[in-house]
Amino acid sequence: MTVTLTRELEQYVREKVREGAFATPSEYIRDLVRDRYLADRDQAAKLKALDAALARGIADAEAGRVVPVTEAFARIRAQLADDETSPRG
């Protein structure tokens, strides 16, 4: 694989190598691509979990397993109050 950079970006990569953070320009580029790959993979996993949670919520609502909004907020407020008063370990 060949990567072509603008002069400015090439100078930037070479400077990073000169700073000693990476042994070669290829090592620096690999690190950048690896970071982006991992971030994309993590984002995809989070979106998949969100989709699953939404599907569960929709299924619950369709099955009639719902709570009036005032009761839901009262539960949340009570939980938050408990969290503020409980000791942290």
PDB file of N, CA and C in Angstrom:
ATOM      1  N   MET A   1       0.860  -1.181   0.000  1.00  0.00           N
ATOM      2  CA  MET A   1       0.000   0.000   0.000  1.00  0.00           C
ATOM      3  C   MET A   1       0.896   1.231   0.000  1.00  0.00           C
ATOM      4  N   THR A   2       0.504   2.175  -0.792  1.00  0.00           N
ATOM      5  CA  THR A   2       1.220   3.442  -0.855  1.00  0.00           C
ATOM      6  C   THR A   2       0.277   4.543  -0.407  1.00  0.00           C
ATOM      7  N   VAL A   3       0.797   5.421   0.424  1.00  0.00           N
ATOM      8  CA  VAL A   3       0.002   6.546   0.906  1.00  0.00           C
ATOM      9  C   VAL A   3       0.675   7.827   0.447  1.00  0.00           C
ATOM     10  N   THR A   4      -0.103   8.702  -0.152  1.00  0.00           N
ATOM     11  CA  THR A   4       0.427   9.976  -0.611  1.00  0.00           C
ATOM     12  C   THR A   4      -0.132  11.075   0.280  1.00  0.00           C
ATOM     13  N   LEU A   5       0.773  11.880   0.810  1.00  0.00           N
ATOM     14  CA  LEU A   5       0.387  12.977   1.690  1.00  0.00           C
ATOM     15  C   LEU A   5       0.749  14.304   1.061  1.00  0.00           C
ATOM     16  N   THR A   6       0.067  15.346   1.481  1.00  0.00           N
ATOM     17  CA  THR A   6       0.477  16.673   1.064  1.00  0.00           C
ATOM     18  C   THR A   6       1.838  16.961   1.702  1.00  0.00           C
ATOM     19  N   ARG A   7       2.529  17.934   1.176  1.00  0.00           N
ATOM     20  CA  ARG A   7       3.840  18.304   1.715  1.00  0.00           C
ATOM     21  C   ARG A   7       3.729  18.658   3.206  1.00  0.00           C
ATOM     22  N   GLU A   8       2.687  19.407   3.538  1.00  0.00           N
ATOM     23  CA  GLU A   8       2.494  19.818   4.930  1.00  0.00           C
ATOM     24  C   GLU A   8       2.285  18.608   5.842  1.00  0.00           C
ATOM     25  N   LEU A   9       1.447  17.662   5.432  1.00  0.00           N
ATOM     26  CA  LEU A   9       1.217  16.472   6.250  1.00  0.00           C
ATOM     27  C   LEU A   9       2.463  15.596   6.336  1.00  0.00           C
ATOM     28  N   GLU A  10       3.189  15.499   5.248  1.00  0.00           N
ATOM     29  CA  GLU A  10       4.427  14.712   5.265  1.00  0.00           C
ATOM     30  C   GLU A  10       5.424  15.317   6.255  1.00  0.00           C
ATOM     31  N   GLN A  11       5.548  16.627   6.263  1.00  0.00           N
ATOM     32  CA  GLN A  11       6.433  17.291   7.218  1.00  0.00           C
ATOM     33  C   GLN A  11       5.971  17.032   8.649  1.00  0.00           C
ATOM     34  N   TYR A  12       4.677  17.059   8.858  1.00  0.00           N
ATOM     35  CA  TYR A  12       4.122  16.801  10.191  1.00  0.00           C
ATOM     36  C   TYR A  12       4.480  15.389  10.665  1.00  0.00           C
ATOM     37  N   VAL A  13       4.302  14.406   9.802  1.00  0.00           N
ATOM     38  CA  VAL A  13       4.630  13.019  10.156  1.00  0.00           C
ATOM     39  C   VAL A  13       6.120  12.897  10.455  1.00  0.00           C
ATOM     40  N   ARG A  14       6.950  13.483   9.605  1.00  0.00           N
ATOM     41  CA  ARG A  14       8.403  13.404   9.832  1.00  0.00           C
ATOM     42  C   ARG A  14       8.782  14.055  11.161  1.00  0.00           C
ATOM     43  N   GLU A  15       8.117  15.145  11.522  1.00  0.00           N
ATOM     44  CA  GLU A  15       8.389  15.807  12.799  1.00  0.00           C
ATOM     45  C   GLU A  15       8.023  14.887  13.964  1.00  0.00           C
ATOM     46  N   LYS A  16       6.917  14.187  13.854  1.00  0.00           N
ATOM     47  CA  LYS A  16       6.525  13.246  14.911  1.00  0.00           C
ATOM     48  C   LYS A  16       7.575  12.159  15.081  1.00  0.00           C
ATOM     49  N   VAL A  17       8.125  11.702  13.987  1.00  0.00           N
ATOM     50  CA  VAL A  17       9.182  10.684  14.051  1.00  0.00           C
ATOM     51  C   VAL A  17      10.436  11.284  14.679  1.00  0.00           C
ATOM     52  N   ARG A  18      10.796  12.506  14.286  1.00  0.00           N
ATOM     53  CA  ARG A  18      11.977  13.167  14.867  1.00  0.00           C
ATOM     54  C   ARG A  18      11.826  13.364  16.373  1.00  0.00           C
ATOM     55  N   GLU A  19      10.592  13.620  16.824  1.00  0.00           N
ATOM     56  CA  GLU A  19      10.353  13.807  18.259  1.00  0.00           C
ATOM     57  C   GLU A  19      10.590  12.523  19.042  1.00  0.00           C
ATOM     58  N   GLY A  20      10.677  11.415  18.329  1.00  0.00           N
ATOM     59  CA  GLY A  20      10.998  10.153  18.991  1.00  0.00           C
ATOM     60  C   GLY A  20       9.807   9.319  19.406  1.00  0.00           C
ATOM     61  N   ALA A  21       8.604   9.779  19.110  1.00  0.00           N
ATOM     62  CA  ALA A  21       7.423   9.007  19.499  1.00  0.00           C
ATOM     63  C   ALA A  21       7.273   7.749  18.643  1.00  0.00           C
ATOM     64  N   PHE A  22       7.805   7.776  17.440  1.00  0.00           N
ATOM     65  CA  PHE A  22       7.700   6.654  16.511  1.00  0.00           C
ATOM     66  C   PHE A  22       9.033   6.475  15.805  1.00  0.00           C
ATOM     67  N   ALA A  23       9.337   5.218  15.464  1.00  0.00           N
ATOM     68  CA  ALA A  23      10.624   4.916  14.825  1.00  0.00           C
ATOM     69  C   ALA A  23      10.630   5.279  13.345  1.00  0.00           C
ATOM     70  N   THR A  24       9.477   5.146  12.690  1.00  0.00           N
ATOM     71  CA  THR A  24       9.396   5.402  11.251  1.00  0.00           C
ATOM     72  C   THR A  24       8.068   6.072  10.925  1.00  0.00           C
ATOM     73  N   PRO A  25       7.996   6.715   9.767  1.00  0.00           N
ATOM     74  CA  PRO A  25       6.707   7.268   9.334  1.00  0.00           C
ATOM     75  C   PRO A  25       5.633   6.169   9.213  1.00  0.00           C
ATOM     76  N   SER A  26       6.010   5.002   8.751  1.00  0.00           N
ATOM     77  CA  SER A  26       5.048   3.902   8.615  1.00  0.00           C
ATOM     78  C   SER A  26       4.470   3.518   9.973  1.00  0.00           C
ATOM     79  N   GLU A  27       5.305   3.497  10.993  1.00  0.00           N
ATOM     80  CA  GLU A  27       4.833   3.166  12.337  1.00  0.00           C
ATOM     81  C   GLU A  27       3.805   4.199  12.807  1.00  0.00           C
ATOM     82  N   TYR A  28       4.072   5.462  12.527  1.00  0.00           N
ATOM     83  CA  TYR A  28       3.142   6.523  12.921  1.00  0.00           C
ATOM     84  C   TYR A  28       1.808   6.377  12.190  1.00  0.00           C
ATOM     85  N   ILE A  29       1.848   6.146  10.886  1.00  0.00           N
ATOM     86  CA  ILE A  29       0.622   5.984  10.099  1.00  0.00           C
ATOM     87  C   ILE A  29      -0.153   4.755  10.582  1.00  0.00           C
ATOM     88  N   ARG A  30       0.540   3.648  10.856  1.00  0.00           N
ATOM     89  CA  ARG A  30      -0.131   2.447  11.377  1.00  0.00           C
ATOM     90  C   ARG A  30      -0.832   2.748  12.684  1.00  0.00           C
ATOM     91  N   ASP A  31      -0.177   3.514  13.552  1.00  0.00           N
ATOM     92  CA  ASP A  31      -0.767   3.865  14.839  1.00  0.00           C
ATOM     93  C   ASP A  31      -2.046   4.686  14.645  1.00  0.00           C
ATOM     94  N   LEU A  32      -2.012   5.638  13.731  1.00  0.00           N
ATOM     95  CA  LEU A  32      -3.191   6.457  13.455  1.00  0.00           C
ATOM     96  C   LEU A  32      -4.338   5.605  12.918  1.00  0.00           C
ATOM     97  N   VAL A  33      -4.035   4.725  11.979  1.00  0.00           N
ATOM     98  CA  VAL A  33      -5.069   3.879  11.396  1.00  0.00           C
ATOM     99  C   VAL A  33      -5.630   2.930  12.450  1.00  0.00           C
ATOM    100  N   ARG A  34      -4.758   2.368  13.291  1.00  0.00           N
ATOM    101  CA  ARG A  34      -5.202   1.464  14.362  1.00  0.00           C
ATOM    102  C   ARG A  34      -6.138   2.192  15.328  1.00  0.00           C
ATOM    103  N   ASP A  35      -5.766   3.409  15.722  1.00  0.00           N
ATOM    104  CA  ASP A  35      -6.620   4.192  16.622  1.00  0.00           C
ATOM    105  C   ASP A  35      -7.990   4.448  15.998  1.00  0.00           C
ATOM    106  N   ARG A  36      -8.010   4.797  14.726  1.00  0.00           N
ATOM    107  CA  ARG A  36      -9.276   5.070  14.032  1.00  0.00           C
ATOM    108  C   ARG A  36     -10.102   3.798  13.928  1.00  0.00           C
ATOM    109  N   TYR A  37      -9.444   2.677  13.606  1.00  0.00           N
ATOM    110  CA  TYR A  37     -10.137   1.390  13.508  1.00  0.00           C
ATOM    111  C   TYR A  37     -10.797   1.028  14.841  1.00  0.00           C
ATOM    112  N   LEU A  38     -10.045   1.157  15.932  1.00  0.00           N
ATOM    113  CA  LEU A  38     -10.587   0.817  17.251  1.00  0.00           C
ATOM    114  C   LEU A  38     -11.742   1.741  17.638  1.00  0.00           C
ATOM    115  N   ALA A  39     -11.612   3.018  17.324  1.00  0.00           N
ATOM    116  CA  ALA A  39     -12.684   3.971  17.629  1.00  0.00           C
ATOM    117  C   ALA A  39     -13.945   3.636  16.832  1.00  0.00           C
ATOM    118  N   ASP A  40     -13.778   3.313  15.557  1.00  0.00           N
ATOM    119  CA  ASP A  40     -14.925   2.945  14.726  1.00  0.00           C
ATOM    120  C   ASP A  40     -15.579   1.664  15.234  1.00  0.00           C
ATOM    121  N   ARG A  41     -14.759   0.702  15.624  1.00  0.00           N
ATOM    122  CA  ARG A  41     -15.277  -0.569  16.134  1.00  0.00           C
ATOM    123  C   ARG A  41     -16.058  -0.351  17.432  1.00  0.00           C
ATOM    124  N   ASP A  42     -15.501   0.491  18.319  1.00  0.00           N
ATOM    125  CA  ASP A  42     -16.187   0.790  19.580  1.00  0.00           C
ATOM    126  C   ASP A  42     -17.513   1.507  19.328  1.00  0.00           C
ATOM    127  N   GLN A  43     -17.512   2.446  18.395  1.00  0.00           N
ATOM    128  CA  GLN A  43     -18.737   3.167  18.078  1.00  0.00           C
ATOM    129  C   GLN A  43     -19.784   2.217  17.511  1.00  0.00           C
ATOM    130  N   ALA A  44     -19.379   1.291  16.663  1.00  0.00           N
ATOM    131  CA  ALA A  44     -20.320   0.327  16.096  1.00  0.00           C
ATOM    132  C   ALA A  44     -20.917  -0.550  17.193  1.00  0.00           C
ATOM    133  N   ALA A  45     -20.099  -0.951  18.163  1.00  0.00           N
ATOM    134  CA  ALA A  45     -20.597  -1.776  19.273  1.00  0.00           C
ATOM    135  C   ALA A  45     -21.595  -0.986  20.121  1.00  0.00           C
ATOM    136  N   LYS A  46     -21.307   0.286  20.353  1.00  0.00           N
ATOM    137  CA  LYS A  46     -22.224   1.118  21.135  1.00  0.00           C
ATOM    138  C   LYS A  46     -23.549   1.310  20.403  1.00  0.00           C
ATOM    139  N   LEU A  47     -23.489   1.516  19.096  1.00  0.00           N
ATOM    140  CA  LEU A  47     -24.711   1.672  18.318  1.00  0.00           C
ATOM    141  C   LEU A  47     -25.532   0.382  18.316  1.00  0.00           C
ATOM    142  N   LYS A  48     -24.846  -0.750  18.239  1.00  0.00           N
ATOM    143  CA  LYS A  48     -25.544  -2.037  18.285  1.00  0.00           C
ATOM    144  C   LYS A  48     -26.245  -2.220  19.630  1.00  0.00           C
ATOM    145  N   ALA A  49     -25.573  -1.862  20.722  1.00  0.00           N
ATOM    146  CA  ALA A  49     -26.180  -1.958  22.056  1.00  0.00           C
ATOM    147  C   ALA A  49     -27.363  -1.004  22.185  1.00  0.00           C
ATOM    148  N   LEU A  50     -27.240   0.189  21.635  1.00  0.00           N
ATOM    149  CA  LEU A  50     -28.339   1.152  21.664  1.00  0.00           C
ATOM    150  C   LEU A  50     -29.530   0.631  20.879  1.00  0.00           C
ATOM    151  N   ASP A  51     -29.281   0.080  19.695  1.00  0.00           N
ATOM    152  CA  ASP A  51     -30.364  -0.499  18.904  1.00  0.00           C
ATOM    153  C   ASP A  51     -31.077  -1.607  19.673  1.00  0.00           C
ATOM    154  N   ALA A  52     -30.316  -2.452  20.359  1.00  0.00           N
ATOM    155  CA  ALA A  52     -30.912  -3.545  21.139  1.00  0.00           C
ATOM    156  C   ALA A  52     -31.754  -2.992  22.285  1.00  0.00           C
ATOM    157  N   ALA A  53     -31.254  -1.963  22.958  1.00  0.00           N
ATOM    158  CA  ALA A  53     -32.005  -1.361  24.062  1.00  0.00           C
ATOM    159  C   ALA A  53     -33.299  -0.724  23.554  1.00  0.00           C
ATOM    160  N   LEU A  54     -33.220  -0.057  22.413  1.00  0.00           N
ATOM    161  CA  LEU A  54     -34.425   0.542  21.830  1.00  0.00           C
ATOM    162  C   LEU A  54     -35.437  -0.535  21.448  1.00  0.00           C
ATOM    163  N   ALA A  55     -34.955  -1.622  20.870  1.00  0.00           N
ATOM    164  CA  ALA A  55     -35.854  -2.717  20.492  1.00  0.00           C
ATOM    165  C   ALA A  55     -36.534  -3.301  21.730  1.00  0.00           C
ATOM    166  N   ARG A  56     -35.783  -3.460  22.822  1.00  0.00           N
ATOM    167  CA  ARG A  56     -36.386  -3.962  24.066  1.00  0.00           C
ATOM    168  C   ARG A  56     -37.436  -2.983  24.590  1.00  0.00           C
ATOM    169  N   GLY A  57     -37.121  -1.707  24.533  1.00  0.00           N
ATOM    170  CA  GLY A  57     -38.070  -0.694  24.998  1.00  0.00           C
ATOM    171  C   GLY A  57     -39.342  -0.678  24.166  1.00  0.00           C
ATOM    172  N   ILE A  58     -39.198  -0.782  22.864  1.00  0.00           N
ATOM    173  CA  ILE A  58     -40.371  -0.803  21.976  1.00  0.00           C
ATOM    174  C   ILE A  58     -41.200  -2.058  22.246  1.00  0.00           C
ATOM    175  N   ALA A  59     -40.526  -3.189  22.415  1.00  0.00           N
ATOM    176  CA  ALA A  59     -41.243  -4.435  22.705  1.00  0.00           C
ATOM    177  C   ALA A  59     -41.996  -4.330  24.027  1.00  0.00           C
ATOM    178  N   ASP A  60     -41.355  -3.734  25.032  1.00  0.00           N
ATOM    179  CA  ASP A  60     -42.025  -3.549  26.326  1.00  0.00           C
ATOM    180  C   ASP A  60     -43.261  -2.663  26.167  1.00  0.00           C
ATOM    181  N   ALA A  61     -43.116  -1.573  25.431  1.00  0.00           N
ATOM    182  CA  ALA A  61     -44.242  -0.657  25.243  1.00  0.00           C
ATOM    183  C   ALA A  61     -45.375  -1.344  24.495  1.00  0.00           C
ATOM    184  N   GLU A  62     -45.035  -2.097  23.455  1.00  0.00           N
ATOM    185  CA  GLU A  62     -46.064  -2.797  22.682  1.00  0.00           C
ATOM    186  C   GLU A  62     -46.751  -3.870  23.507  1.00  0.00           C
ATOM    187  N   ALA A  63     -46.052  -4.440  24.496  1.00  0.00           N
ATOM    188  CA  ALA A  63     -46.629  -5.478  25.353  1.00  0.00           C
ATOM    189  C   ALA A  63     -47.366  -4.875  26.548  1.00  0.00           C
ATOM    190  N   GLY A  64     -47.387  -3.543  26.623  1.00  0.00           N
ATOM    191  CA  GLY A  64     -48.101  -2.901  27.717  1.00  0.00           C
ATOM    192  C   GLY A  64     -47.297  -2.769  28.997  1.00  0.00           C
ATOM    193  N   ARG A  65     -46.010  -3.088  28.943  1.00  0.00           N
ATOM    194  CA  ARG A  65     -45.150  -2.951  30.128  1.00  0.00           C
ATOM    195  C   ARG A  65     -44.612  -1.521  30.161  1.00  0.00           C
ATOM    196  N   VAL A  66     -45.459  -0.618  30.608  1.00  0.00           N
ATOM    197  CA  VAL A  66     -45.106   0.802  30.637  1.00  0.00           C
ATOM    198  C   VAL A  66     -45.381   1.370  32.023  1.00  0.00           C
ATOM    199  N   VAL A  67     -44.783   2.511  32.306  1.00  0.00           N
ATOM    200  CA  VAL A  67     -44.970   3.215  33.567  1.00  0.00           C
ATOM    201  C   VAL A  67     -45.316   4.658  33.212  1.00  0.00           C
ATOM    202  N   PRO A  68     -46.306   5.246  33.870  1.00  0.00           N
ATOM    203  CA  PRO A  68     -46.610   6.657  33.595  1.00  0.00           C
ATOM    204  C   PRO A  68     -45.361   7.521  33.818  1.00  0.00           C
ATOM    205  N   VAL A  69     -45.203   8.531  33.009  1.00  0.00           N
ATOM    206  CA  VAL A  69     -44.004   9.356  33.045  1.00  0.00           C
ATOM    207  C   VAL A  69     -43.788   9.978  34.422  1.00  0.00           C
ATOM    208  N   THR A  70     -44.859  10.397  35.093  1.00  0.00           N
ATOM    209  CA  THR A  70     -44.690  11.001  36.426  1.00  0.00           C
ATOM    210  C   THR A  70     -44.113   9.997  37.410  1.00  0.00           C
ATOM    211  N   GLU A  71     -44.553   8.746  37.313  1.00  0.00           N
ATOM    212  CA  GLU A  71     -44.013   7.702  38.191  1.00  0.00           C
ATOM    213  C   GLU A  71     -42.562   7.400  37.843  1.00  0.00           C
ATOM    214  N   ALA A  72     -42.243   7.369  36.571  1.00  0.00           N
ATOM    215  CA  ALA A  72     -40.871   7.096  36.141  1.00  0.00           C
ATOM    216  C   ALA A  72     -39.927   8.166  36.679  1.00  0.00           C
ATOM    217  N   PHE A  73     -40.327   9.450  36.541  1.00  0.00           N
ATOM    218  CA  PHE A  73     -39.478  10.533  37.042  1.00  0.00           C
ATOM    219  C   PHE A  73     -39.372  10.502  38.564  1.00  0.00           C
ATOM    220  N   ALA A  74     -40.440  10.131  39.237  1.00  0.00           N
ATOM    221  CA  ALA A  74     -40.385  10.019  40.701  1.00  0.00           C
ATOM    222  C   ALA A  74     -39.380   8.945  41.104  1.00  0.00           C
ATOM    223  N   ARG A  75     -39.368   7.829  40.392  1.00  0.00           N
ATOM    224  CA  ARG A  75     -38.399   6.758  40.676  1.00  0.00           C
ATOM    225  C   ARG A  75     -36.963   7.232  40.442  1.00  0.00           C
ATOM    226  N   ILE A  76     -36.789   7.960  39.354  1.00  0.00           N
ATOM    227  CA  ILE A  76     -35.447   8.464  39.031  1.00  0.00           C
ATOM    228  C   ILE A  76     -34.982   9.446  40.100  1.00  0.00           C
ATOM    229  N   ARG A  77     -35.860  10.358  40.495  1.00  0.00           N
ATOM    230  CA  ARG A  77     -35.495  11.334  41.530  1.00  0.00           C
ATOM    231  C   ARG A  77     -35.140  10.632  42.837  1.00  0.00           C
ATOM    232  N   ALA A  78     -35.926   9.616  43.195  1.00  0.00           N
ATOM    233  CA  ALA A  78     -35.645   8.871  44.424  1.00  0.00           C
ATOM    234  C   ALA A  78     -34.296   8.168  44.327  1.00  0.00           C
ATOM    235  N   GLN A  79     -34.005   7.581  43.190  1.00  0.00           N
ATOM    236  CA  GLN A  79     -32.720   6.893  42.999  1.00  0.00           C
ATOM    237  C   GLN A  79     -31.558   7.882  43.086  1.00  0.00           C
ATOM    238  N   LEU A  80     -31.719   9.039  42.469  1.00  0.00           N
ATOM    239  CA  LEU A  80     -30.661  10.059  42.522  1.00  0.00           C
ATOM    240  C   LEU A  80     -30.450  10.545  43.954  1.00  0.00           C
ATOM    241  N   ALA A  81     -31.518  10.716  44.688  1.00  0.00           N
ATOM    242  CA  ALA A  81     -31.399  11.139  46.083  1.00  0.00           C
ATOM    243  C   ALA A  81     -30.679  10.074  46.900  1.00  0.00           C
ATOM    244  N   ASP A  82     -30.992   8.805  46.666  1.00  0.00           N
ATOM    245  CA  ASP A  82     -30.313   7.707  47.360  1.00  0.00           C
ATOM    246  C   ASP A  82     -28.820   7.695  47.023  1.00  0.00           C
ATOM    247  N   ASP A  83     -28.507   7.921  45.751  1.00  0.00           N
ATOM    248  CA  ASP A  83     -27.106   7.913  45.317  1.00  0.00           C
ATOM    249  C   ASP A  83     -26.316   9.045  45.990  1.00  0.00           C
ATOM    250  N   GLU A  84     -26.952  10.190  46.186  1.00  0.00           N
ATOM    251  CA  GLU A  84     -26.261  11.336  46.793  1.00  0.00           C
ATOM    252  C   GLU A  84     -26.002  11.120  48.272  1.00  0.00           C
ATOM    253  N   THR A  85     -26.853  10.358  48.932  1.00  0.00           N
ATOM    254  CA  THR A  85     -26.708  10.172  50.388  1.00  0.00           C
ATOM    255  C   THR A  85     -25.945   8.900  50.757  1.00  0.00           C
ATOM    256  N   SER A  86     -25.786   7.986  49.814  1.00  0.00           N
ATOM    257  CA  SER A  86     -25.075   6.747  50.160  1.00  0.00           C
ATOM    258  C   SER A  86     -23.566   6.983  50.110  1.00  0.00           C
ATOM    259  N   PRO A  87     -22.824   6.319  51.037  1.00  0.00           N
ATOM    260  CA  PRO A  87     -21.361   6.486  51.067  1.00  0.00           C
ATOM    261  C   PRO A  87     -20.730   5.854  49.840  1.00  0.00           C
ATOM    262  N   ARG A  88     -19.680   6.471  49.389  1.00  0.00           N
ATOM    263  CA  ARG A  88     -18.973   5.939  48.217  1.00  0.00           C
ATOM    264  C   ARG A  88     -17.846   5.042  48.696  1.00  0.00           C
ATOM    265  N   GLY A  89     -17.741   3.875  48.061  1.00  0.00           N
ATOM    266  CA  GLY A  89     -16.737   2.921  48.488  1.00  0.00           C
ATOM    267  C   GLY A  89     -15.675   2.830  47.551  1.00  0.00           C
TER     268      GLY A  89
END
